[in-house]
Amino acid sequence: MTDCPAENDVGKMSFEEALAALEDIVRRMEAGRVSLDDAVAFYERGTLLRRHCEQKLAAARLKIDAVTASLDGKADGLTSLPDGENA
């Protein structure tokens, strides 16, 4: 598993990059042609990637929830986000 970026690179990935890396891990493991050591490393990296994706989705959800809609369904404004985040 030498072609995977270091653990600290996961935090720099976009959601799409992390999801693609996770999908690649799943494909490789499902193929069943990885050593036990690589399977463990893939599992560890997959866990990091999954958590990263979940964090990105949660942050996006906060931003989406901050947009308020008027009765006619048009964006009416923004509510403030926690900790000074920008929508």
N, C-alpha and C. Protein backbone atom coordinates (compact mmCIF):
# COMPACT_ATOMS: atom_id res chain seq x y z
N MET A 1 0.84 -1.19 0.00
CA MET A 1 0.00 0.00 0.00
C MET A 1 0.88 1.24 0.00
N THR A 2 1.84 1.28 -0.85
CA THR A 2 2.80 2.37 -0.88
C THR A 2 2.30 3.58 -1.66
N ASP A 3 1.22 3.44 -2.41
CA ASP A 3 0.76 4.56 -3.24
C ASP A 3 -0.29 5.42 -2.55
N CYS A 4 -0.53 5.24 -1.26
CA CYS A 4 -1.50 6.05 -0.53
C CYS A 4 -0.78 7.22 0.14
N PRO A 5 -1.39 8.42 0.10
CA PRO A 5 -0.79 9.56 0.78
C PRO A 5 -0.74 9.34 2.28
N ALA A 6 0.09 10.11 2.95
CA ALA A 6 0.22 10.01 4.40
C ALA A 6 -1.07 10.41 5.09
N GLU A 7 -1.20 9.98 6.34
CA GLU A 7 -2.41 10.24 7.13
C GLU A 7 -2.75 11.72 7.20
N ASN A 8 -1.74 12.57 7.35
CA ASN A 8 -2.02 14.00 7.47
C ASN A 8 -2.54 14.60 6.17
N ASP A 9 -2.37 13.92 5.05
CA ASP A 9 -2.90 14.40 3.78
C ASP A 9 -4.42 14.27 3.70
N VAL A 10 -5.00 13.38 4.47
CA VAL A 10 -6.46 13.18 4.44
C VAL A 10 -7.16 14.48 4.80
N GLY A 11 -6.66 15.19 5.79
CA GLY A 11 -7.28 16.43 6.23
C GLY A 11 -7.26 17.52 5.17
N LYS A 12 -6.37 17.41 4.19
CA LYS A 12 -6.28 18.40 3.12
C LYS A 12 -7.16 18.06 1.93
N MET A 13 -7.73 16.86 1.94
CA MET A 13 -8.53 16.41 0.79
C MET A 13 -9.90 17.07 0.77
N SER A 14 -10.40 17.27 -0.45
CA SER A 14 -11.79 17.68 -0.59
C SER A 14 -12.67 16.45 -0.31
N PHE A 15 -13.95 16.67 -0.18
CA PHE A 15 -14.88 15.56 0.02
C PHE A 15 -14.77 14.58 -1.14
N GLU A 16 -14.75 15.12 -2.36
CA GLU A 16 -14.73 14.27 -3.55
C GLU A 16 -13.44 13.45 -3.64
N GLU A 17 -12.32 14.04 -3.29
CA GLU A 17 -11.05 13.32 -3.30
C GLU A 17 -11.05 12.19 -2.27
N ALA A 18 -11.54 12.50 -1.08
CA ALA A 18 -11.58 11.49 -0.01
C ALA A 18 -12.53 10.36 -0.37
N LEU A 19 -13.67 10.70 -0.95
CA LEU A 19 -14.63 9.67 -1.34
C LEU A 19 -14.05 8.78 -2.43
N ALA A 20 -13.36 9.37 -3.40
CA ALA A 20 -12.74 8.58 -4.47
C ALA A 20 -11.66 7.66 -3.90
N ALA A 21 -10.87 8.15 -2.95
CA ALA A 21 -9.85 7.31 -2.32
C ALA A 21 -10.49 6.17 -1.55
N LEU A 22 -11.58 6.45 -0.87
CA LEU A 22 -12.31 5.42 -0.12
C LEU A 22 -12.88 4.37 -1.06
N GLU A 23 -13.45 4.82 -2.19
CA GLU A 23 -13.99 3.88 -3.17
C GLU A 23 -12.89 3.00 -3.75
N ASP A 24 -11.70 3.57 -3.95
CA ASP A 24 -10.57 2.80 -4.46
C ASP A 24 -10.17 1.71 -3.47
N ILE A 25 -10.14 2.06 -2.21
CA ILE A 25 -9.81 1.08 -1.16
C ILE A 25 -10.82 -0.06 -1.17
N VAL A 26 -12.09 0.28 -1.25
CA VAL A 26 -13.14 -0.74 -1.25
C VAL A 26 -12.96 -1.68 -2.45
N ARG A 27 -12.71 -1.10 -3.63
CA ARG A 27 -12.50 -1.92 -4.84
C ARG A 27 -11.33 -2.88 -4.67
N ARG A 28 -10.24 -2.36 -4.14
CA ARG A 28 -9.04 -3.19 -3.99
C ARG A 28 -9.27 -4.31 -2.97
N MET A 29 -9.95 -3.99 -1.88
CA MET A 29 -10.19 -5.01 -0.87
C MET A 29 -11.20 -6.04 -1.35
N GLU A 30 -12.21 -5.59 -2.09
CA GLU A 30 -13.20 -6.53 -2.62
C GLU A 30 -12.57 -7.48 -3.64
N ALA A 31 -11.54 -7.02 -4.33
CA ALA A 31 -10.85 -7.88 -5.29
C ALA A 31 -10.15 -9.03 -4.58
N GLY A 32 -9.82 -8.82 -3.30
CA GLY A 32 -9.26 -9.90 -2.49
C GLY A 32 -7.82 -10.24 -2.75
N ARG A 33 -7.11 -9.40 -3.46
CA ARG A 33 -5.72 -9.70 -3.78
C ARG A 33 -4.77 -8.77 -3.02
N VAL A 34 -5.02 -8.58 -1.74
CA VAL A 34 -4.13 -7.76 -0.91
C VAL A 34 -3.64 -8.63 0.25
N SER A 35 -2.43 -8.34 0.68
CA SER A 35 -1.88 -9.08 1.81
C SER A 35 -2.61 -8.66 3.09
N LEU A 36 -2.44 -9.44 4.13
CA LEU A 36 -3.06 -9.12 5.41
C LEU A 36 -2.60 -7.76 5.92
N ASP A 37 -1.30 -7.49 5.82
CA ASP A 37 -0.78 -6.21 6.28
C ASP A 37 -1.39 -5.05 5.49
N ASP A 38 -1.50 -5.21 4.18
CA ASP A 38 -2.12 -4.17 3.37
C ASP A 38 -3.60 -4.01 3.69
N ALA A 39 -4.28 -5.12 3.95
CA ALA A 39 -5.70 -5.06 4.29
C ALA A 39 -5.91 -4.26 5.58
N VAL A 40 -5.05 -4.47 6.56
CA VAL A 40 -5.14 -3.73 7.81
C VAL A 40 -4.86 -2.25 7.55
N ALA A 41 -3.84 -1.95 6.76
CA ALA A 41 -3.51 -0.56 6.44
C ALA A 41 -4.66 0.10 5.67
N PHE A 42 -5.25 -0.64 4.72
CA PHE A 42 -6.39 -0.11 3.98
C PHE A 42 -7.55 0.18 4.92
N TYR A 43 -7.81 -0.72 5.86
CA TYR A 43 -8.90 -0.53 6.80
C TYR A 43 -8.67 0.72 7.65
N GLU A 44 -7.43 0.89 8.12
CA GLU A 44 -7.11 2.08 8.93
C GLU A 44 -7.29 3.35 8.12
N ARG A 45 -6.78 3.35 6.90
CA ARG A 45 -6.92 4.54 6.04
C ARG A 45 -8.38 4.77 5.68
N GLY A 46 -9.09 3.71 5.39
CA GLY A 46 -10.51 3.84 5.07
C GLY A 46 -11.29 4.46 6.22
N THR A 47 -10.93 4.11 7.44
CA THR A 47 -11.58 4.70 8.60
C THR A 47 -11.31 6.20 8.67
N LEU A 48 -10.07 6.59 8.41
CA LEU A 48 -9.74 8.03 8.39
C LEU A 48 -10.51 8.76 7.29
N LEU A 49 -10.57 8.15 6.12
CA LEU A 49 -11.28 8.76 5.00
C LEU A 49 -12.78 8.87 5.29
N ARG A 50 -13.35 7.83 5.88
CA ARG A 50 -14.78 7.86 6.22
C ARG A 50 -15.08 8.99 7.20
N ARG A 51 -14.25 9.11 8.23
CA ARG A 51 -14.45 10.18 9.22
C ARG A 51 -14.32 11.55 8.57
N HIS A 52 -13.35 11.69 7.69
CA HIS A 52 -13.15 12.96 7.00
C HIS A 52 -14.38 13.31 6.16
N CYS A 53 -14.90 12.33 5.44
CA CYS A 53 -16.11 12.55 4.63
C CYS A 53 -17.29 12.94 5.51
N GLU A 54 -17.44 12.26 6.63
CA GLU A 54 -18.53 12.58 7.55
C GLU A 54 -18.41 14.01 8.08
N GLN A 55 -17.17 14.44 8.39
CA GLN A 55 -16.96 15.80 8.88
C GLN A 55 -17.28 16.82 7.79
N LYS A 56 -16.87 16.54 6.56
CA LYS A 56 -17.16 17.45 5.45
C LYS A 56 -18.67 17.55 5.22
N LEU A 57 -19.36 16.43 5.29
CA LEU A 57 -20.82 16.44 5.11
C LEU A 57 -21.52 17.19 6.25
N ALA A 58 -21.04 17.01 7.47
CA ALA A 58 -21.63 17.71 8.61
C ALA A 58 -21.43 19.22 8.47
N ALA A 59 -20.25 19.63 8.02
CA ALA A 59 -19.99 21.06 7.82
C ALA A 59 -20.88 21.63 6.72
N ALA A 60 -21.06 20.88 5.65
CA ALA A 60 -21.93 21.31 4.56
C ALA A 60 -23.37 21.42 5.05
N ARG A 61 -23.77 20.47 5.87
CA ARG A 61 -25.14 20.48 6.40
C ARG A 61 -25.39 21.73 7.26
N LEU A 62 -24.39 22.10 8.07
CA LEU A 62 -24.51 23.31 8.87
C LEU A 62 -24.70 24.54 7.99
N LYS A 63 -23.96 24.59 6.90
CA LYS A 63 -24.08 25.72 5.99
C LYS A 63 -25.44 25.74 5.31
N ILE A 64 -25.91 24.58 4.90
CA ILE A 64 -27.23 24.48 4.26
C ILE A 64 -28.33 24.87 5.25
N ASP A 65 -28.21 24.39 6.47
CA ASP A 65 -29.22 24.71 7.49
C ASP A 65 -29.23 26.19 7.83
N ALA A 66 -28.12 26.88 7.57
CA ALA A 66 -28.05 28.30 7.89
C ALA A 66 -28.85 29.16 6.92
N VAL A 67 -29.15 28.62 5.75
CA VAL A 67 -29.94 29.36 4.77
C VAL A 67 -31.41 29.21 5.15
N THR A 68 -32.05 30.33 5.35
CA THR A 68 -33.47 30.27 5.67
C THR A 68 -34.27 30.57 4.41
N ALA A 69 -35.43 30.02 4.30
CA ALA A 69 -36.27 30.21 3.13
C ALA A 69 -37.55 30.92 3.53
N SER A 70 -38.02 31.78 2.63
CA SER A 70 -39.30 32.44 2.85
C SER A 70 -40.42 31.46 2.52
N LEU A 71 -41.64 31.86 2.75
CA LEU A 71 -42.78 30.97 2.51
C LEU A 71 -42.90 30.55 1.04
N ASP A 72 -42.42 31.40 0.12
CA ASP A 72 -42.49 31.03 -1.30
C ASP A 72 -41.30 30.19 -1.75
N GLY A 73 -40.43 29.80 -0.81
CA GLY A 73 -39.33 28.90 -1.11
C GLY A 73 -38.05 29.57 -1.56
N LYS A 74 -38.04 30.89 -1.62
CA LYS A 74 -36.83 31.60 -2.03
C LYS A 74 -35.94 31.84 -0.82
N ALA A 75 -34.63 31.88 -1.06
CA ALA A 75 -33.69 32.15 0.03
C ALA A 75 -34.00 33.53 0.60
N ASP A 76 -34.20 33.57 1.89
CA ASP A 76 -34.61 34.79 2.56
C ASP A 76 -33.45 35.43 3.31
N GLY A 77 -32.42 34.70 3.55
CA GLY A 77 -31.29 35.24 4.29
C GLY A 77 -30.52 34.11 4.93
N LEU A 78 -29.58 34.49 5.73
CA LEU A 78 -28.75 33.51 6.40
C LEU A 78 -28.87 33.68 7.89
N THR A 79 -28.86 32.58 8.57
CA THR A 79 -28.75 32.63 10.03
C THR A 79 -27.28 32.55 10.35
N SER A 80 -26.89 32.95 11.51
CA SER A 80 -25.47 32.90 11.86
C SER A 80 -25.04 31.48 12.14
N LEU A 81 -23.83 31.17 11.74
CA LEU A 81 -23.25 29.85 11.98
C LEU A 81 -22.47 29.87 13.28
N PRO A 82 -22.36 28.72 13.94
CA PRO A 82 -21.58 28.66 15.16
C PRO A 82 -20.10 28.94 14.91
N ASP A 83 -19.43 29.50 15.87
CA ASP A 83 -17.98 29.73 15.84
C ASP A 83 -17.52 30.60 14.68
N GLY A 84 -18.36 31.51 14.23
CA GLY A 84 -17.96 32.46 13.22
C GLY A 84 -17.74 31.88 11.83
N GLU A 85 -18.29 30.72 11.53
CA GLU A 85 -18.14 30.12 10.21
C GLU A 85 -18.93 30.94 9.20
N ASN A 86 -18.45 30.99 7.99
CA ASN A 86 -19.15 31.68 6.91
C ASN A 86 -19.95 30.69 6.10
N ALA A 87 -21.14 31.11 5.69
CA ALA A 87 -21.98 30.24 4.85
C ALA A 87 -21.58 30.36 3.41
